[in-house]
Each structure stands twice: as structure tokens, then as C-alpha cells.
Protein backbone atom coordinates (compact mmCIF):
# COMPACT_ATOMS: atom_id res chain seq x y z
CA MET A 1 92.33 84.24 74.92
CA THR A 2 89.60 86.69 75.82
CA ARG A 3 90.21 89.42 78.38
CA ILE A 4 87.61 89.79 81.11
CA SER A 5 87.08 93.39 82.21
CA TYR A 6 85.03 94.68 85.12
CA SER A 7 83.52 98.07 85.62
CA ARG A 8 83.97 100.08 88.79
CA ASP A 9 80.43 99.36 90.00
CA ALA A 10 80.89 95.66 89.36
CA LEU A 11 84.05 95.57 91.46
CA PHE A 12 82.32 97.39 94.32
CA SER A 13 79.43 94.95 94.22
CA LEU A 14 81.85 92.00 94.31
CA ASN A 15 83.61 93.53 97.28
CA LEU A 16 80.34 94.02 99.10
CA HIS A 17 79.26 90.40 98.60
CA SER A 18 82.67 88.90 99.38
CA THR A 19 83.04 90.49 102.81
CA HIS A 20 80.30 88.26 104.21
CA LEU A 21 78.65 91.15 106.00
CA LYS A 22 75.27 90.64 107.49
CA PRO A 23 72.51 92.60 105.78
CA SER A 24 71.89 94.43 109.05
CA LEU A 25 75.42 95.93 108.87
CA THR A 26 75.12 97.34 105.37
CA GLN A 27 74.02 100.93 104.88
CA ASP A 28 70.32 101.60 104.74
CA PRO A 29 69.04 104.74 103.00
CA ARG A 30 66.64 105.26 105.87
CA TRP A 31 69.53 105.96 108.28
CA PRO A 32 70.22 109.57 109.36
CA THR A 33 72.51 111.61 107.13
CA GLU A 34 75.13 111.86 109.90
CA ILE A 35 75.63 108.12 109.70
CA LEU A 36 75.44 107.90 105.91
CA ARG A 37 78.03 110.61 105.22
CA GLU A 38 81.07 109.58 103.28
CA ASN A 39 84.13 108.51 105.21
CA LYS A 40 86.90 110.54 103.59
CA GLY A 41 89.57 109.54 106.06
CA ARG A 42 91.21 111.38 108.93
CA ASP A 43 92.07 114.42 106.83
CA ALA A 44 88.51 115.08 105.68
CA ARG A 45 87.87 117.53 108.51
CA LYS A 46 90.36 120.18 109.50
CA ARG A 47 91.80 119.26 112.84
CA PRO A 48 93.86 121.58 115.00
CA ARG A 49 97.58 120.87 115.04
CA ARG A 50 98.29 119.23 118.37
CA LYS A 51 101.49 118.69 120.32
CA ARG A 52 102.22 117.07 123.62
CA ALA A 53 102.36 119.80 126.23
CA GLY A 54 104.73 120.07 129.16
CA ILE A 55 108.16 121.48 129.94
CA ARG A 56 109.91 118.14 129.53
CA ASN A 57 108.42 117.55 126.06
CA ARG A 58 109.34 121.06 124.93
CA LEU A 59 112.89 120.48 126.14
CA ARG A 60 113.13 117.17 124.28
CA ALA A 61 111.99 118.86 121.08
CA ARG A 62 114.75 121.49 121.31
CA ALA A 63 117.34 119.84 123.54
CA HIS A 64 120.34 122.00 122.56
CA GLN A 65 118.38 125.11 121.57
CA ALA A 66 116.64 125.83 124.86
CA PRO A 67 116.66 129.45 126.10
CA LEU A 68 118.62 128.37 129.21
CA PRO A 69 120.77 125.26 129.70
CA SER A 70 119.29 122.10 131.20
CA ILE A 71 121.34 121.17 134.27
CA PRO A 72 121.48 118.04 136.45
CA LEU A 73 122.89 119.15 139.82
CA ALA A 74 124.25 116.70 142.39
CA ASN A 75 126.36 116.52 145.52
CA VAL A 76 128.14 113.31 144.54
CA GLN A 77 130.55 112.91 147.50
CA SER A 78 133.46 111.57 145.42
CA LEU A 79 133.05 111.55 141.67
CA ASP A 80 135.76 109.11 140.63
CA ASN A 81 133.96 106.07 142.12
CA LYS A 82 130.61 107.03 140.51
CA LEU A 83 131.72 107.27 136.90
CA ASP A 84 129.94 104.01 135.98
CA ASN A 85 126.70 105.38 137.43
CA LEU A 86 127.20 108.63 135.55
CA TRP A 87 127.96 106.85 132.28
CA ALA A 88 124.85 104.66 132.66
CA ARG A 89 122.60 107.67 133.22
CA ILE A 90 124.03 109.49 130.21
CA SER A 91 123.68 106.40 128.01
CA PHE A 92 120.23 105.14 129.04
CA GLN A 93 118.34 108.16 130.41
CA ARG A 94 117.37 110.45 127.59
CA ASP A 95 116.97 113.58 129.69
CA ILE A 96 120.40 113.21 131.30
CA GLY A 97 122.05 112.28 127.99
CA ASP A 98 120.59 115.36 126.25
CA CYS A 99 121.39 117.79 129.07
CA ASN A 100 123.63 120.78 128.38
CA LEU A 101 125.58 120.95 131.64
CA LEU A 102 126.41 118.59 134.50
CA CYS A 103 127.24 120.36 137.78
CA PHE A 104 128.71 118.46 140.72
CA ALA A 105 129.64 119.58 144.23
CA LYS A 106 132.01 117.69 146.55
CA SER A 107 133.76 115.97 143.67
CA TRP A 108 136.69 115.10 146.00
CA LEU A 109 139.13 115.64 143.16
CA ASN A 110 142.69 116.94 143.41
CA PRO A 111 145.19 118.18 140.80
CA ALA A 112 146.66 114.66 140.53
CA VAL A 113 143.46 113.45 138.78
CA PRO A 114 143.47 114.53 135.09
CA SER A 115 140.29 115.72 133.43
CA HIS A 116 140.24 112.95 130.82
CA ALA A 117 140.15 110.36 133.63
CA ILE A 118 136.67 111.49 134.70
CA GLN A 119 135.32 112.37 131.26
CA PRO A 120 132.12 110.29 130.86
CA ALA A 121 132.04 110.45 127.04
CA GLU A 122 133.92 112.08 124.20
CA PHE A 123 131.11 114.60 123.60
CA PHE A 124 131.61 116.22 127.04
CA SER A 125 134.35 118.61 128.11
CA VAL A 126 135.35 118.74 131.79
CA HIS A 127 136.12 121.85 133.87
CA CYS A 128 137.16 121.26 137.48
CA MET A 129 138.02 123.38 140.48
CA ASP A 130 140.05 120.87 142.47
CA ARG A 131 140.88 120.91 146.14
CA MET A 132 143.81 123.23 146.82
CA ALA A 133 146.21 123.63 149.73
CA ASP A 134 144.76 127.08 150.47
CA SER A 135 141.45 125.52 151.44
CA GLY A 136 142.99 123.89 154.51
CA LYS A 137 141.31 120.57 153.70
CA SER A 138 143.05 117.25 153.26
CA ARG A 139 140.03 115.51 151.72
CA GLY A 140 136.59 116.27 150.33
CA SER A 141 135.41 119.48 148.61
CA GLY A 142 135.92 120.37 144.94
CA VAL A 143 133.38 121.27 142.22
CA CYS A 144 133.14 120.05 138.64
CA VAL A 145 131.23 121.12 135.52
CA MET A 146 130.83 118.98 132.40
CA VAL A 147 129.74 120.72 129.20
CA LYS A 148 127.97 119.09 126.26
CA ASN A 149 129.96 119.95 123.15
CA SER A 150 126.84 120.01 120.97
CA TRP A 151 125.50 122.84 123.17
CA CYS A 152 128.71 124.87 123.51
CA ASN A 153 132.09 124.25 121.96
CA ASN A 154 135.01 124.10 124.37
CA ALA A 155 136.62 127.05 122.55
CA ASN A 156 133.68 129.24 123.65
CA VAL A 157 134.06 128.47 127.37
CA VAL A 158 135.91 131.05 129.48
CA THR A 159 136.84 130.57 133.14
CA LEU A 160 136.00 133.74 135.06
CA THR A 161 136.69 132.73 138.66
CA ARG A 162 138.35 129.86 140.50
CA SER A 163 138.11 130.28 144.26
CA CYS A 164 138.90 127.67 146.90
CA SER A 165 138.94 128.86 150.52
CA PRO A 166 137.83 127.37 153.86
CA ASN A 167 134.49 129.20 153.51
CA LEU A 168 133.67 129.02 149.80
CA GLU A 169 134.46 127.06 146.67
CA LEU A 170 133.39 128.78 143.47
CA LEU A 171 133.87 127.95 139.80
CA ALA A 172 132.43 130.58 137.44
CA LEU A 173 132.31 129.78 133.71
CA LYS A 174 131.09 131.96 130.85
CA PHE A 175 129.55 130.16 127.87
CA ARG A 176 128.78 131.36 124.38
CA PRO A 177 126.65 128.46 123.08
CA PHE A 178 125.54 127.85 119.52
CA TYR A 179 122.04 129.13 120.28
CA LEU A 180 120.95 131.92 122.62
CA PRO A 181 117.79 134.03 122.83
CA ARG A 182 118.06 137.54 121.49
CA GLU A 183 118.14 139.13 124.95
CA PHE A 184 121.22 137.17 126.12
CA THR A 185 124.80 137.53 124.93
CA SER A 186 126.24 134.70 127.04
CA VAL A 187 125.51 132.38 129.94
CA ILE A 188 127.45 132.59 133.21
CA VAL A 189 127.14 129.53 135.47
CA ASN A 190 128.48 129.72 139.03
CA THR A 191 128.96 126.33 140.68
CA VAL A 192 129.16 126.78 144.45
CA TYR A 193 129.98 124.66 147.48
CA ILE A 194 129.78 126.12 151.00
CA PRO A 195 130.99 123.63 153.67
CA PRO A 196 128.78 123.09 156.74
CA GLN A 197 131.47 124.44 159.10
CA ALA A 198 132.13 127.55 156.97
CA ASN A 199 131.49 131.11 158.06
CA THR A 200 128.26 131.75 156.18
CA ASP A 201 128.52 135.54 156.34
CA THR A 202 132.00 135.51 154.82
CA ALA A 203 130.92 133.11 152.07
CA LEU A 204 127.86 135.21 151.21
CA CYS A 205 130.00 138.36 151.13
CA GLU A 206 132.35 136.74 148.60
CA LEU A 207 129.42 135.54 146.52
CA HIS A 208 127.86 139.00 146.61
CA GLU A 209 131.06 140.53 145.24
CA ALA A 210 131.28 137.92 142.48
CA PHE A 211 127.62 138.18 141.41
CA THR A 212 127.53 141.98 141.44
CA HIS A 213 130.76 142.07 139.44
CA PHE A 214 129.30 139.72 136.81
CA GLN A 215 126.03 141.66 136.66
CA ALA A 216 127.90 144.93 136.15
CA GLN A 217 130.46 143.68 133.62
CA TYR A 218 128.16 141.35 131.64
CA ARG A 219 124.84 143.17 131.71
CA ASP A 220 123.15 141.05 129.04
CA ALA A 221 124.42 137.68 130.26
CA ALA A 222 122.13 135.04 131.79
CA LEU A 223 123.41 134.58 135.35
CA ILE A 224 122.91 131.20 137.05
CA GLY A 225 124.12 130.03 140.45
CA VAL A 226 123.88 126.34 141.42
CA GLY A 227 125.44 124.14 144.05
CA ASP A 228 125.37 122.97 147.65
CA PHE A 229 124.80 126.03 149.83
CA ASN A 230 124.02 124.12 153.06
CA SER A 231 122.48 126.67 155.47
CA ALA A 232 123.37 129.76 153.40
CA ASN A 233 120.70 131.69 151.53
CA LEU A 234 122.04 133.73 148.63
CA LYS A 235 118.90 135.88 148.51
CA CYS A 236 120.07 137.52 151.74
CA ALA A 237 123.16 138.83 149.91
CA VAL A 238 121.69 139.32 146.41
CA PRO A 239 117.97 140.10 146.85
CA ASN A 240 117.12 140.24 143.13
CA LEU A 241 117.64 136.48 142.68
CA TYR A 242 115.00 133.74 142.69
CA GLN A 243 115.48 130.29 144.20
CA HIS A 244 113.98 127.48 142.09
CA VAL A 245 114.51 124.34 144.24
CA THR A 246 111.48 124.03 146.51
CA PHE A 247 111.72 120.43 147.79
CA PRO A 248 114.07 118.77 150.34
CA THR A 249 117.34 117.51 148.87
CA ARG A 250 118.82 115.84 151.97
CA GLY A 251 116.48 114.50 154.61
CA ASN A 252 113.92 117.22 155.24
CA ARG A 253 116.23 120.13 154.38
CA THR A 254 116.81 121.96 151.11
CA LEU A 255 120.60 122.27 150.89
CA ASP A 256 121.10 122.35 147.10
CA HIS A 257 119.91 125.54 145.44
CA CYS A 258 119.54 127.14 142.02
CA TYR A 259 119.44 130.94 141.70
CA THR A 260 118.68 133.14 138.68
CA PRO A 261 117.49 136.75 138.27
CA TYR A 262 114.43 135.56 136.33
CA LYS A 263 111.21 134.40 137.90
CA ASP A 264 109.98 130.95 136.80
CA SER A 265 113.10 130.32 134.74
CA TYR A 266 113.60 126.72 135.96
CA LYS A 267 111.53 123.81 137.15
CA ALA A 268 113.39 121.49 139.53
CA LEU A 269 112.73 117.73 139.56
CA ALA A 270 114.09 115.25 142.12
CA HIS A 271 116.08 112.29 140.77
CA PRO A 272 117.74 109.42 142.67
CA PRO A 273 121.15 110.19 144.21
CA PHE A 274 124.44 109.03 142.71
CA GLY A 275 125.62 105.87 144.43
CA LYS A 276 125.58 106.15 148.22
CA SER A 277 125.38 109.93 148.27
CA ASP A 278 122.81 111.26 150.74
CA HIS A 279 121.84 114.20 148.49
CA ALA A 280 119.13 113.83 145.86
CA THR A 281 120.04 114.67 142.28
CA ILE A 282 118.22 117.75 140.97
CA PHE A 283 117.30 118.02 137.31
CA LEU A 284 116.74 121.65 136.32
CA LEU A 285 114.38 122.01 133.37
CA PRO A 286 114.49 125.42 131.64
CA LYS A 287 111.11 127.06 132.00
CA TYR A 288 112.15 130.51 130.86
CA LYS A 289 110.04 132.01 128.10
CA GLN A 290 112.13 134.16 125.82
CA ARG A 291 111.18 137.75 125.24
CA LEU A 292 110.37 137.23 121.57
CA LYS A 293 107.42 134.98 122.48
CA TRP A 294 105.71 137.14 125.08
CA GLU A 295 106.61 140.72 124.18
CA ALA A 296 104.08 142.65 122.09
CA PRO A 297 105.24 143.80 118.65
CA VAL A 298 106.57 147.36 118.57
CA GLN A 299 105.66 149.69 115.71
CA ARG A 300 108.36 152.19 114.79
CA GLU A 301 108.35 155.10 112.34
CA VAL A 302 111.54 155.61 110.35
CA ALA A 303 112.24 158.69 108.23
CA ARG A 304 113.36 157.88 104.70
CA TRP A 305 115.25 160.39 102.58
CA ILE A 306 114.09 160.88 98.99
CA GLY A 307 116.64 161.36 96.22
CA GLY A 308 115.71 164.96 95.33
CA CYS A 309 115.43 165.99 98.97
CA SER A 310 118.87 164.66 99.84
CA ALA A 311 120.34 166.46 96.78
CA GLY A 312 118.81 169.74 97.92
CA HIS A 313 120.23 169.38 101.41
CA SER A 314 123.67 168.58 100.05
CA GLY A 315 123.70 171.84 98.03
């Protein structure tokens, strides 16, 4: 048996004739050089490295390593009958499932409801400030915070304040997550609910005391205040805060707010409400740019002791 061998040029000529191309489609030496250049593939020319821009895409790329936590905020008006809705959003909506915190106002919970009964999934830990007898309310009220364990372990969550009065409901939690920018030592999240019939001045006075205390005791902590403030404006009591929710959350009024001491730290997006709640759900996307990325490099001069010089000084 004889072996038939083909050269490289012979194989190329066979390929050219077997593709059944019309002669008009084959290369002609009279064509311009731009058309006749070799096609070396997509990597022949150096192309700039491209990424999809946008705050949401940046958050998806570093879901649990964002400079500030991503927070869905909602006035749910009874949480226990909306657990199926909450579970569905966590399971099928990527942004909600990858969020770091879930903050709810008007949870309508009481001490008789255990935390594991409202836990949407095993990778969340629940922290509630239930309705108390001191609030003078027989129904309604209550705030709840759910923490993603992959963002912050439950052992690194400290409760700073639990306050339930006729004028203010406040749950302040301090987090030490797995990742934080260099300028922050912790994250303090204050979940607030101010009832419509409350004395706004008294509520703002209590909030002012709490926020100034946190700012003085935890100077390098990222301070965040979220919740249903109704007609109260926290900037009147703490002027160095910025409000990041700029669209109506119930009817034509903005009742749900988000406050931080940093300008442009969050971008608020409107999501559908939970169940029959009349408040829109707010998804807070972290927009904060950490200091390492915008601060200019600093050049420092450090004196270094030489061996002989240090020996002379010691004598």
C-alpha cells in the first residue's frame, strides 16, 4: 500500500477549489492593501480592555466586597405574611439575592414571633426590634434587619441601640464585615421608623443624640441611616448628612429616606412594593468611591539609621 502525501500548498489549493467560491469572491492582487492584509484573528491588533460600565455591573462584580453595603429598604406593613414574596425575590432576583442587608420598617412583629420563623434562607441572620409595651401600640410598628452571612458573620454584629417609644423606633447595629475600605473600621446601620402621629421634634432630638454619639465614639465608622421617616427630615437635626432617595416612595411623597455623611455614596432605585404595601421598595446601590482610588499618592521621606551612626550615638 502506497501512502499519498500532500504538501501545504496542495492542501490550500484543494481547499480553495472545494469551497465552490465564485471567482469574483477570491482575492485579486489588484485590490488595495487594506483589503488584502492577512486576517490574523481578533487578537492581531491590540484592543483596549473593556468592561460593562454602570453602578449595577460594578456591584455584581464585587457583590460582597463593595465599599458600602447594598441595601433593599421597604415598609412592608406586616412581614410574616410576605415571606413567600421575600423568598421569591431572594431566589430569582440576582440583585436582591446578592444584597448585603435587608432593612424593613413596620414589620408588625412582637416578641412571640421567633427570629427563625421569619428567616428567608439559612444564609441570612435576623435582627429584630419588636413592638414593646412601652411604645403604647397594640399593633403595627417594629423594624427588622436581615444580614447576609457571606458579607458579615453573625459573630461580628453588635447591637448598639434598641429604642421603641411612641415617637421613634430605632435599631442600631454595628458590623465588622469581611471586607472594608481602608478608611472605615466598621459599618453602623440605623434602621428607623417614625410614626405619622409622632412628635417629630422629639424623634429628631433622639436621633440627633444617637447619631452624634456614634460619630464621636466611632470616628472611623461608616454611618448609615435608613427607614420610614414620614414627614421628618434628619438633615434638620444633623446637617452634615446627605439624603440619597430623590423620588416619591408613597404616592407623590418621599417618606422613606437614606442618610449618610458622604456625598454620592448611594444611588436609589425604585422596585415594586412587597405584597399590598403602599410603599415602594428602594434598592440602595453603593456608589461610594473609596479613598484609595481617588486620592493622589503621597510621597514621604523617612530617615534611616546607618549601622556606624547608630553605634556612635549609643556610645
